[in-house]
C-alpha atoms as a PDB file:
ATOM      1  CA  MET A   1      87.186  86.073 157.192  1.00  0.00           C
ATOM      2  CA  GLN A   2      85.077  84.823 154.342  1.00  0.00           C
ATOM      3  CA  THR A   3      86.886  87.121 151.919  1.00  0.00           C
ATOM      4  CA  PHE A   4      90.292  85.799 153.073  1.00  0.00           C
ATOM      5  CA  HIS A   5      89.104  82.199 152.681  1.00  0.00           C
ATOM      6  CA  SER A   6      87.742  82.842 149.182  1.00  0.00           C
ATOM      7  CA  LEU A   7      91.016  84.505 148.258  1.00  0.00           C
ATOM      8  CA  ARG A   8      92.983  81.461 149.419  1.00  0.00           C
ATOM      9  CA  VAL A   9      90.743  79.229 147.298  1.00  0.00           C
ATOM     10  CA  SER A  10      90.757  81.437 144.211  1.00  0.00           C
ATOM     11  CA  ARG A  11      94.540  81.822 143.984  1.00  0.00           C
ATOM     12  CA  PRO A  12      95.227  78.130 143.194  1.00  0.00           C
ATOM     13  CA  LEU A  13      92.377  78.193 140.695  1.00  0.00           C
ATOM     14  CA  HIS A  14      93.838  81.247 138.983  1.00  0.00           C
ATOM     15  CA  LEU A  15      97.252  79.613 138.889  1.00  0.00           C
ATOM     16  CA  LEU A  16      95.849  76.400 137.403  1.00  0.00           C
ATOM     17  CA  ALA A  17      93.904  78.378 134.795  1.00  0.00           C
ATOM     18  CA  ALA A  18      97.011  80.347 133.808  1.00  0.00           C
ATOM     19  CA  LEU A  19      99.064  77.148 133.516  1.00  0.00           C
ATOM     20  CA  ALA A  20      96.343  75.507 131.410  1.00  0.00           C
ATOM     21  CA  VAL A  21      96.190  78.495 129.037  1.00  0.00           C
ATOM     22  CA  ALA A  22      99.994  78.554 128.756  1.00  0.00           C
ATOM     23  CA  LEU A  23     100.105  74.812 128.039  1.00  0.00           C
ATOM     24  CA  VAL A  24      97.401  74.988 125.352  1.00  0.00           C
ATOM     25  CA  THR A  25      99.077  77.993 123.740  1.00  0.00           C
ATOM     26  CA  TYR A  26     102.450  76.233 123.694  1.00  0.00           C
ATOM     27  CA  VAL A  27     100.970  73.078 122.136  1.00  0.00           C
ATOM     28  CA  LEU A  28      99.214  75.090 119.433  1.00  0.00           C
ATOM     29  CA  LEU A  29     102.387  77.052 118.658  1.00  0.00           C
ATOM     30  CA  PHE A  30     104.447  73.861 118.583  1.00  0.00           C
ATOM     31  CA  LEU A  31     102.101  72.056 116.226  1.00  0.00           C
ATOM     32  CA  GLY A  32     101.658  75.139 114.053  1.00  0.00           C
ATOM     33  CA  SER A  33     105.396  75.808 113.827  1.00  0.00           C
ATOM     34  CA  GLN A  34     106.068  72.246 112.688  1.00  0.00           C
ATOM     35  CA  ARG A  35     103.515  72.573 109.919  1.00  0.00           C
ATOM     36  CA  LEU A  36     104.700  76.010 108.831  1.00  0.00           C
ATOM     37  CA  ASP A  37     108.423  75.345 109.071  1.00  0.00           C
ATOM     38  CA  LEU A  38     108.360  72.226 106.890  1.00  0.00           C
ATOM     39  CA  PRO A  39     107.112  73.443 103.491  1.00  0.00           C
ATOM     40  CA  PRO A  40     106.763  70.862 100.730  1.00  0.00           C
ATOM     41  CA  GLU A  41     108.736  70.697  97.525  1.00  0.00           C
ATOM     42  CA  ARG A  42     107.355  73.119  94.943  1.00  0.00           C
ATOM     43  CA  SER A  43     107.478  73.008  91.171  1.00  0.00           C
ATOM     44  CA  PHE A  44     107.205  76.068  88.917  1.00  0.00           C
ATOM     45  CA  ALA A  45     106.277  74.832  85.459  1.00  0.00           C
ATOM     46  CA  ALA A  46     107.299  76.722  82.354  1.00  0.00           C
ATOM     47  CA  HIS A  47     104.866  77.979  79.749  1.00  0.00           C
ATOM     48  CA  PRO A  48     103.779  75.234  77.360  1.00  0.00           C
ATOM     49  CA  GLY A  49     105.625  75.161  74.074  1.00  0.00           C
ATOM     50  CA  PRO A  50     106.859  72.841  71.332  1.00  0.00           C
ATOM     51  CA  LEU A  51     110.119  72.082  73.156  1.00  0.00           C
ATOM     52  CA  ARG A  52     110.433  69.848  76.177  1.00  0.00           C
ATOM     53  CA  PRO A  53     111.407  71.968  79.203  1.00  0.00           C
ATOM     54  CA  VAL A  54     114.563  71.477  81.222  1.00  0.00           C
ATOM     55  CA  ARG A  55     114.003  70.483  84.833  1.00  0.00           C
ATOM     56  CA  LEU A  56     116.256  72.310  87.271  1.00  0.00           C
ATOM     57  CA  TYR A  57     116.508  71.497  90.957  1.00  0.00           C
ATOM     58  CA  LEU A  58     117.220  74.521  93.168  1.00  0.00           C
ATOM     59  CA  GLU A  59     118.238  73.961  96.783  1.00  0.00           C
ATOM     60  CA  VAL A  60     118.992  76.650  99.342  1.00  0.00           C
ATOM     61  CA  MET A  61     122.021  75.536 101.356  1.00  0.00           C
ATOM     62  CA  SER A  62     122.422  78.306 103.926  1.00  0.00           C
ATOM     63  CA  VAL A  63     121.472  81.880 104.785  1.00  0.00           C
ATOM     64  CA  ASP A  64     124.103  84.106 106.382  1.00  0.00           C
ATOM     65  CA  THR A  65     122.431  87.320 107.492  1.00  0.00           C
ATOM     66  CA  VAL A  66     125.639  88.664 109.023  1.00  0.00           C
ATOM     67  CA  ARG A  67     127.374  88.579 105.628  1.00  0.00           C
ATOM     68  CA  ASP A  68     124.147  89.336 103.714  1.00  0.00           C
ATOM     69  CA  ALA A  69     124.653  86.223 101.598  1.00  0.00           C
ATOM     70  CA  MET A  70     122.673  83.114 100.673  1.00  0.00           C
ATOM     71  CA  GLN A  71     124.160  79.914  99.268  1.00  0.00           C
ATOM     72  CA  VAL A  72     122.085  78.017  96.696  1.00  0.00           C
ATOM     73  CA  ARG A  73     122.816  74.938  94.605  1.00  0.00           C
ATOM     74  CA  LEU A  74     121.484  74.463  91.070  1.00  0.00           C
ATOM     75  CA  THR A  75     121.392  71.034  89.416  1.00  0.00           C
ATOM     76  CA  VAL A  76     119.981  69.785  86.133  1.00  0.00           C
ATOM     77  CA  GLU A  77     117.694  66.853  86.860  1.00  0.00           C
ATOM     78  CA  PRO A  78     119.041  63.776  85.042  1.00  0.00           C
ATOM     79  CA  VAL A  79     116.960  61.343  83.010  1.00  0.00           C
ATOM     80  CA  ALA A  80     117.231  57.571  83.449  1.00  0.00           C
ATOM     81  CA  GLY A  81     118.671  55.921  80.342  1.00  0.00           C
ATOM     82  CA  PRO A  82     118.152  52.402  78.950  1.00  0.00           C
ATOM     83  CA  ASP A  83     121.055  51.101  81.038  1.00  0.00           C
ATOM     84  CA  GLY A  84     119.503  52.499  84.225  1.00  0.00           C
ATOM     85  CA  VAL A  85     122.123  55.224  84.651  1.00  0.00           C
ATOM     86  CA  ALA A  86     120.660  58.704  85.156  1.00  0.00           C
ATOM     87  CA  SER A  87     122.337  61.461  83.150  1.00  0.00           C
ATOM     88  CA  PRO A  88     121.341  64.448  81.000  1.00  0.00           C
ATOM     89  CA  ASP A  89     119.888  63.491  77.618  1.00  0.00           C
ATOM     90  CA  ARG A  90     120.808  66.746  75.870  1.00  0.00           C
ATOM     91  CA  ASN A  91     123.793  69.039  75.556  1.00  0.00           C
ATOM     92  CA  LEU A  92     122.838  72.219  77.354  1.00  0.00           C
ATOM     93  CA  VAL A  93     124.270  75.559  78.340  1.00  0.00           C
ATOM     94  CA  LEU A  94     122.920  77.080  81.534  1.00  0.00           C
ATOM     95  CA  LEU A  95     123.328  80.822  82.078  1.00  0.00           C
ATOM     96  CA  THR A  96     122.794  82.332  85.515  1.00  0.00           C
ATOM     97  CA  THR A  97     122.795  86.050  86.304  1.00  0.00           C
ATOM     98  CA  HIS A  98     122.771  87.566  89.776  1.00  0.00           C
ATOM     99  CA  ASP A  99     124.030  90.710  91.449  1.00  0.00           C
ATOM    100  CA  GLY A 100     125.616  91.981  88.227  1.00  0.00           C
ATOM    101  CA  LEU A 101     127.517  88.714  87.661  1.00  0.00           C
ATOM    102  CA  GLY A 102     127.012  86.055  84.984  1.00  0.00           C
ATOM    103  CA  GLU A 103     128.013  82.396  85.073  1.00  0.00           C
ATOM    104  CA  ARG A 104     128.011  79.776  82.327  1.00  0.00           C
ATOM    105  CA  THR A 105     127.642  76.061  82.986  1.00  0.00           C
ATOM    106  CA  GLU A 106     127.864  73.377  80.295  1.00  0.00           C
ATOM    107  CA  VAL A 107     125.887  70.145  80.596  1.00  0.00           C
ATOM    108  CA  HIS A 108     126.914  67.168  78.440  1.00  0.00           C
ATOM    109  CA  VAL A 109     125.075  64.012  77.482  1.00  0.00           C
ATOM    110  CA  HIS A 110     125.896  60.778  79.333  1.00  0.00           C
ATOM    111  CA  GLN A 111     127.963  62.590  81.941  1.00  0.00           C
ATOM    112  CA  PRO A 112     127.142  63.308  85.573  1.00  0.00           C
ATOM    113  CA  PRO A 113     125.117  66.511  85.767  1.00  0.00           C
ATOM    114  CA  PRO A 114     127.224  69.352  87.190  1.00  0.00           C
ATOM    115  CA  THR A 115     126.208  71.083  90.390  1.00  0.00           C
ATOM    116  CA  THR A 116     126.490  74.860  90.291  1.00  0.00           C
ATOM    117  CA  PRO A 117     127.008  76.573  93.669  1.00  0.00           C
ATOM    118  CA  ILE A 118     125.838  80.192  93.655  1.00  0.00           C
ATOM    119  CA  GLU A 119     126.159  82.863  96.332  1.00  0.00           C
ATOM    120  CA  LEU A 120     123.420  85.468  96.195  1.00  0.00           C
ATOM    121  CA  ASP A 121     123.483  88.839  97.930  1.00  0.00           C
ATOM    122  CA  LEU A 122     120.669  89.684 100.342  1.00  0.00           C
ATOM    123  CA  TYR A 123     118.861  93.001  99.993  1.00  0.00           C
ATOM    124  CA  GLY A 124     116.026  94.857 101.684  1.00  0.00           C
ATOM    125  CA  GLY A 125     116.905  93.950 105.263  1.00  0.00           C
ATOM    126  CA  ASP A 126     119.463  94.262 108.007  1.00  0.00           C
ATOM    127  CA  ILE A 127     120.577  92.057 110.885  1.00  0.00           C
ATOM    128  CA  SER A 128     119.898  94.984 113.242  1.00  0.00           C
ATOM    129  CA  ASP A 129     116.177  94.158 113.001  1.00  0.00           C
ATOM    130  CA  TYR A 130     116.750  90.713 114.545  1.00  0.00           C
ATOM    131  CA  PRO A 131     114.589  88.656 115.084  1.00  0.00           C
ATOM    132  CA  LEU A 132     112.061  90.384 112.790  1.00  0.00           C
ATOM    133  CA  ASP A 133     114.492  90.977 109.908  1.00  0.00           C
ATOM    134  CA  ARG A 134     113.450  90.208 106.321  1.00  0.00           C
ATOM    135  CA  TYR A 135     115.473  89.933 103.121  1.00  0.00           C
ATOM    136  CA  ARG A 136     115.174  89.292  99.413  1.00  0.00           C
ATOM    137  CA  ALA A 137     117.434  87.882  96.717  1.00  0.00           C
ATOM    138  CA  THR A 138     117.129  87.453  92.946  1.00  0.00           C
ATOM    139  CA  LEU A 139     118.488  85.007  90.371  1.00  0.00           C
ATOM    140  CA  ALA A 140     117.923  84.985  86.586  1.00  0.00           C
ATOM    141  CA  LEU A 141     118.125  81.750  84.550  1.00  0.00           C
ATOM    142  CA  ARG A 142     118.334  80.893  80.871  1.00  0.00           C
ATOM    143  CA  CYS A 143     118.942  77.497  79.307  1.00  0.00           C
ATOM    144  CA  PHE A 144     119.976  76.818  75.691  1.00  0.00           C
ATOM    145  CA  LEU A 145     120.110  73.641  73.652  1.00  0.00           C
ATOM    146  CA  VAL A 146     123.507  73.236  72.054  1.00  0.00           C
ATOM    147  CA  PRO A 147     122.984  72.697  68.287  1.00  0.00           C
ATOM    148  CA  SER A 148     124.245  69.445  66.818  1.00  0.00           C
ATOM    149  CA  VAL A 149     125.713  71.323  63.858  1.00  0.00           C
ATOM    150  CA  PRO A 150     128.451  73.793  64.829  1.00  0.00           C
ATOM    151  CA  GLY A 151     127.662  77.357  63.883  1.00  0.00           C
ATOM    152  CA  ASN A 152     123.908  77.103  64.264  1.00  0.00           C
ATOM    153  CA  THR A 153     122.087  79.384  66.691  1.00  0.00           C
ATOM    154  CA  PRO A 154     121.433  77.852  70.144  1.00  0.00           C
ATOM    155  CA  VAL A 155     117.757  77.303  70.920  1.00  0.00           C
ATOM    156  CA  ALA A 156     116.329  78.682  74.162  1.00  0.00           C
ATOM    157  CA  LEU A 157     114.520  76.041  76.194  1.00  0.00           C
ATOM    158  CA  PRO A 158     111.733  76.531  78.723  1.00  0.00           C
ATOM    159  CA  ILE A 159     112.625  75.786  82.341  1.00  0.00           C
ATOM    160  CA  THR A 160     110.714  73.912  85.000  1.00  0.00           C
ATOM    161  CA  LEU A 161     112.108  74.844  88.397  1.00  0.00           C
ATOM    162  CA  ILE A 162     111.832  72.524  91.380  1.00  0.00           C
ATOM    163  CA  ASP A 163     112.824  74.004  94.710  1.00  0.00           C
ATOM    164  CA  TRP A 164     112.729  72.960  98.347  1.00  0.00           C
ATOM    165  CA  GLN A 165     111.795  76.035 100.351  1.00  0.00           C
ATOM    166  CA  ARG A 166     113.359  74.998 103.596  1.00  0.00           C
ATOM    167  CA  VAL A 167     116.487  76.082 105.422  1.00  0.00           C
ATOM    168  CA  LEU A 168     116.918  75.769 109.156  1.00  0.00           C
ATOM    169  CA  GLY A 169     115.582  78.821 110.964  1.00  0.00           C
ATOM    170  CA  TYR A 170     114.178  80.598 107.890  1.00  0.00           C
ATOM    171  CA  ARG A 171     111.100  80.681 105.718  1.00  0.00           C
ATOM    172  CA  LEU A 172     111.485  81.249 101.982  1.00  0.00           C
ATOM    173  CA  ARG A 173     108.903  82.281  99.449  1.00  0.00           C
ATOM    174  CA  THR A 174     109.864  81.847  95.799  1.00  0.00           C
ATOM    175  CA  ARG A 175     108.306  83.780  92.929  1.00  0.00           C
ATOM    176  CA  ILE A 176     109.151  83.521  89.231  1.00  0.00           C
ATOM    177  CA  ALA A 177     108.609  86.107  86.495  1.00  0.00           C
ATOM    178  CA  ILE A 178     109.402  85.853  82.766  1.00  0.00           C
ATOM    179  CA  GLU A 179     111.303  88.876  81.468  1.00  0.00           C
ATOM    180  CA  ALA A 180     111.166  90.351  77.978  1.00  0.00           C
ATOM    181  CA  ASP A 181     114.361  88.588  76.838  1.00  0.00           C
ATOM    182  CA  GLY A 182     113.031  85.199  77.934  1.00  0.00           C
ATOM    183  CA  ARG A 183     114.980  84.944  81.173  1.00  0.00           C
ATOM    184  CA  GLU A 184     113.222  83.507  84.177  1.00  0.00           C
ATOM    185  CA  ARG A 185     113.865  85.763  87.146  1.00  0.00           C
ATOM    186  CA  ILE A 186     113.514  84.083  90.522  1.00  0.00           C
ATOM    187  CA  ARG A 187     112.864  86.203  93.605  1.00  0.00           C
ATOM    188  CA  PHE A 188     113.369  84.862  97.115  1.00  0.00           C
ATOM    189  CA  ASP A 189     111.555  86.504 100.029  1.00  0.00           C
ATOM    190  CA  ILE A 190     113.317  85.431 103.225  1.00  0.00           C
ATOM    191  CA  ARG A 191     112.292  85.833 106.852  1.00  0.00           C
ATOM    192  CA  ARG A 192     112.831  84.084 110.142  1.00  0.00           C
ATOM    193  CA  SER A 193     110.690  81.042 110.813  1.00  0.00           C
ATOM    194  CA  GLU A 194     107.775  81.249 113.235  1.00  0.00           C
ATOM    195  CA  ALA A 195     109.417  78.975 115.798  1.00  0.00           C
ATOM    196  CA  PHE A 196     112.696  80.898 115.555  1.00  0.00           C
ATOM    197  CA  THR A 197     110.984  84.244 116.122  1.00  0.00           C
ATOM    198  CA  ALA A 198     108.931  82.884 119.019  1.00  0.00           C
ATOM    199  CA  PHE A 199     112.036  81.572 120.805  1.00  0.00           C
ATOM    200  CA  ALA A 200     113.943  84.830 120.307  1.00  0.00           C
ATOM    201  CA  LEU A 201     111.057  86.995 121.541  1.00  0.00           C
ATOM    202  CA  ALA A 202     110.571  84.675 124.519  1.00  0.00           C
ATOM    203  CA  GLY A 203     114.250  85.111 125.380  1.00  0.00           C
ATOM    204  CA  TYR A 204     113.986  88.894 125.365  1.00  0.00           C
ATOM    205  CA  ALA A 205     110.769  88.686 127.394  1.00  0.00           C
ATOM    206  CA  GLY A 206     112.653  86.598 129.955  1.00  0.00           C
ATOM    207  CA  MET A 207     115.311  89.328 130.154  1.00  0.00           C
ATOM    208  CA  ILE A 208     112.608  91.882 130.942  1.00  0.00           C
ATOM    209  CA  VAL A 209     111.200  89.675 133.715  1.00  0.00           C
ATOM    210  CA  LEU A 210     114.649  89.151 135.240  1.00  0.00           C
ATOM    211  CA  ALA A 211     115.401  92.878 135.102  1.00  0.00           C
ATOM    212  CA  TYR A 212     112.041  93.668 136.736  1.00  0.00           C
ATOM    213  CA  SER A 213     112.777  91.159 139.507  1.00  0.00           C
ATOM    214  CA  ALA A 214     116.218  92.643 140.190  1.00  0.00           C
ATOM    215  CA  ALA A 215     114.865  96.205 140.118  1.00  0.00           C
ATOM    216  CA  SER A 216     112.068  95.247 142.513  1.00  0.00           C
ATOM    217  CA  ILE A 217     114.551  93.837 145.020  1.00  0.00           C
ATOM    218  CA  GLY A 218     116.805  96.889 144.757  1.00  0.00           C
ATOM    219  CA  THR A 219     113.897  99.329 145.112  1.00  0.00           C
ATOM    220  CA  LEU A 220     112.406  97.600 148.155  1.00  0.00           C
ATOM    221  CA  VAL A 221     115.794  97.478 149.859  1.00  0.00           C
ATOM    222  CA  TYR A 222     116.478 101.126 149.062  1.00  0.00           C
ATOM    223  CA  LEU A 223     113.075 102.156 150.477  1.00  0.00           C
ATOM    224  CA  ARG A 224     113.800 100.017 153.565  1.00  0.00           C
ATOM    225  CA  ARG A 225     110.796  97.826 152.919  1.00  0.00           C
ATOM    226  CA  ARG A 226     113.065  94.765 152.917  1.00  0.00           C
ATOM    227  CA  ARG A 227     116.208  94.027 154.896  1.00  0.00           C
ATOM    228  CA  PRO A 228     119.445  93.733 152.869  1.00  0.00           C
ATOM    229  CA  ASP A 229     120.230  90.143 153.772  1.00  0.00           C
ATOM    230  CA  PRO A 230     122.720  87.952 151.852  1.00  0.00           C
ATOM    231  CA  SER A 231     119.964  85.945 150.153  1.00  0.00           C
ATOM    232  CA  LEU A 232     118.772  89.030 148.261  1.00  0.00           C
ATOM    233  CA  MET A 233     122.341  89.831 147.206  1.00  0.00           C
ATOM    234  CA  SER A 234     122.745  86.283 145.900  1.00  0.00           C
ATOM    235  CA  ALA A 235     119.512  86.505 143.921  1.00  0.00           C
ATOM    236  CA  VAL A 236     120.409  89.805 142.248  1.00  0.00           C
ATOM    237  CA  ALA A 237     123.995  88.663 141.551  1.00  0.00           C
ATOM    238  CA  ALA A 238     122.613  85.529 139.867  1.00  0.00           C
ATOM    239  CA  ILE A 239     120.421  87.702 137.631  1.00  0.00           C
ATOM    240  CA  VAL A 240     123.430  89.822 136.652  1.00  0.00           C
ATOM    241  CA  PHE A 241     125.236  86.747 135.309  1.00  0.00           C
ATOM    242  CA  ALA A 242     122.098  85.029 133.977  1.00  0.00           C
ATOM    243  CA  LEU A 243     121.266  87.827 131.534  1.00  0.00           C
ATOM    244  CA  PRO A 244     124.420  87.454 129.351  1.00  0.00           C
ATOM    245  CA  ALA A 245     123.967  83.671 129.370  1.00  0.00           C
ATOM    246  CA  LEU A 246     120.377  84.065 128.199  1.00  0.00           C
ATOM    247  CA  ARG A 247     121.475  86.509 125.489  1.00  0.00           C
ATOM    248  CA  GLY A 248     124.095  84.053 124.249  1.00  0.00           C
ATOM    249  CA  ALA A 249     121.521  81.246 124.078  1.00  0.00           C
ATOM    250  CA  LEU A 250     119.275  83.092 121.617  1.00  0.00           C
ATOM    251  CA  PRO A 251     118.991  81.299 118.244  1.00  0.00           C
ATOM    252  CA  GLY A 252     120.546  82.656 115.095  1.00  0.00           C
ATOM    253  CA  PHE A 253     123.933  83.818 116.411  1.00  0.00           C
ATOM    254  CA  ALA A 254     122.981  87.471 116.015  1.00  0.00           C
ATOM    255  CA  PRO A 255     125.901  89.789 116.825  1.00  0.00           C
ATOM    256  CA  LEU A 256     125.710  91.834 119.978  1.00  0.00           C
ATOM    257  CA  GLY A 257     124.334  95.316 119.338  1.00  0.00           C
ATOM    258  CA  VAL A 258     121.121  94.726 117.385  1.00  0.00           C
ATOM    259  CA  PHE A 259     118.150  96.975 118.113  1.00  0.00           C
ATOM    260  CA  ALA A 260     116.615  94.432 120.494  1.00  0.00           C
ATOM    261  CA  ASP A 261     119.802  94.515 122.573  1.00  0.00           C
ATOM    262  CA  LEU A 262     119.718  98.308 122.766  1.00  0.00           C
ATOM    263  CA  PHE A 263     116.076  98.318 123.879  1.00  0.00           C
ATOM    264  CA  VAL A 264     116.055  95.237 126.143  1.00  0.00           C
ATOM    265  CA  PHE A 265     119.359  93.523 126.980  1.00  0.00           C
ATOM    266  CA  LEU A 266     121.422  96.651 127.693  1.00  0.00           C
ATOM    267  CA  TRP A 267     118.892  98.203 130.062  1.00  0.00           C
ATOM    268  CA  ALA A 268     118.116  94.869 131.704  1.00  0.00           C
ATOM    269  CA  GLU A 269     121.796  94.406 132.523  1.00  0.00           C
ATOM    270  CA  VAL A 270     122.087  98.002 133.761  1.00  0.00           C
ATOM    271  CA  ALA A 271     119.042  97.542 136.001  1.00  0.00           C
ATOM    272  CA  ALA A 272     120.432  94.300 137.426  1.00  0.00           C
ATOM    273  CA  VAL A 273     123.879  95.789 138.132  1.00  0.00           C
ATOM    274  CA  CYS A 274     122.401  98.927 139.743  1.00  0.00           C
ATOM    275  CA  SER A 275     120.098  96.797 141.883  1.00  0.00           C
ATOM    276  CA  LEU A 276     123.060  94.693 143.023  1.00  0.00           C
ATOM    277  CA  ALA A 277     124.985  97.849 143.931  1.00  0.00           C
ATOM    278  CA  ILE A 278     122.017  99.174 145.941  1.00  0.00           C
ATOM    279  CA  VAL A 279     121.583  95.931 147.855  1.00  0.00           C
ATOM    280  CA  VAL A 280     125.300  95.640 148.625  1.00  0.00           C
ATOM    281  CA  ALA A 281     125.582  99.315 149.673  1.00  0.00           C
ATOM    282  CA  SER A 282     122.551  98.982 151.948  1.00  0.00           C
ATOM    283  CA  TRP A 283     123.979  95.832 153.519  1.00  0.00           C
ATOM    284  CA  VAL A 284     127.340  97.570 154.117  1.00  0.00           C
ATOM    285  CA  HIS A 285     125.680 100.467 155.945  1.00  0.00           C
ATOM    286  CA  VAL A 286     123.619  98.256 158.232  1.00  0.00           C
ATOM    287  CA  GLU A 287     124.712  98.611 161.874  1.00  0.00           C
ATOM    288  CA  PRO A 288     126.389  95.573 163.437  1.00  0.00           C
ATOM    289  CA  GLU A 289     123.704  95.276 166.138  1.00  0.00           C
ATOM    290  CA  ARG A 290     121.050  95.279 163.492  1.00  0.00           C
ATOM    291  CA  SER A 291     123.004  92.717 161.512  1.00  0.00           C
ATOM    292  CA  ARG A 292     123.048  90.440 164.533  1.00  0.00           C
ATOM    293  CA  ASP A 293     119.317  90.944 164.955  1.00  0.00           C
ATOM    294  CA  VAL A 294     118.784  89.959 161.353  1.00  0.00           C
ATOM    295  CA  SER A 295     120.949  86.860 161.782  1.00  0.00           C
ATOM    296  CA  ALA A 296     119.149  85.926 164.994  1.00  0.00           C
ATOM    297  CA  ALA A 297     115.778  86.331 163.346  1.00  0.00           C
ATOM    298  CA  ALA A 298     116.773  83.966 160.570  1.00  0.00           C
ATOM    299  CA  PRO A 299     115.231  80.472 160.945  1.00  0.00           C
ATOM    300  CA  PRO A 300     117.665  77.696 162.005  1.00  0.00           C
ATOM    301  CA  GLU A 301     118.846  75.361 159.291  1.00  0.00           C
END
């Protein structure tokens, strides 16, 4: 008797402790994800030299892991003139090289600075590894000062790169290396953000829990430890339709068929459908007298 009483007292305490741990963990993850997913603006200064460097602003617009492409935008930072209008103060030629392609952009004095959209290819990863997939991309830059006298050799200018390492759902790490020919090669290391990965893994964990619940109902009914009443059929049928809805709500719009689907979603759906078939088949084979007994034993509404 004392053991039963202590068990009744300890269960609420265990439940409260589990809820407290879950709440604290969620708050820590929420606060940490906000700090990690909002990186500040970073500046990569060029090596000191006699010439004033050109300031370039690099912004990542989007990451499309299905197409293995990343959209970036490159802009020459203008300088405010005496009249208060910001524009480039030198005639420049910007050369960009990526994925075996080269692009040339001319920048003229007292004109709005051009914006160069660039699409980079993603390497080193595959969408099949969702949500733990990682990628990389590279971009090489060179900037030349157009000589005032035609025919003179253009002068290579140092570059100061300013980038904002934030795009929704991803974390970017930028590294710059100076090559032998003077080009500045930029490497982007791309991965899913911490909050994104946590939500995706939580979704797949929920699929496992739902599949375990459906399999438990089907197993107990098959072993005749539980009666195949309509309430159990309704519960398992709801799980069958809840799993695809949960899969469609995962962030990132990953196509169906990634490795996580093959290891989790597919077998969870199979377990739920088989459990529903077991419960329905057991209910069909129940004798009418026994069905009436089950209905009579049910509490009145």
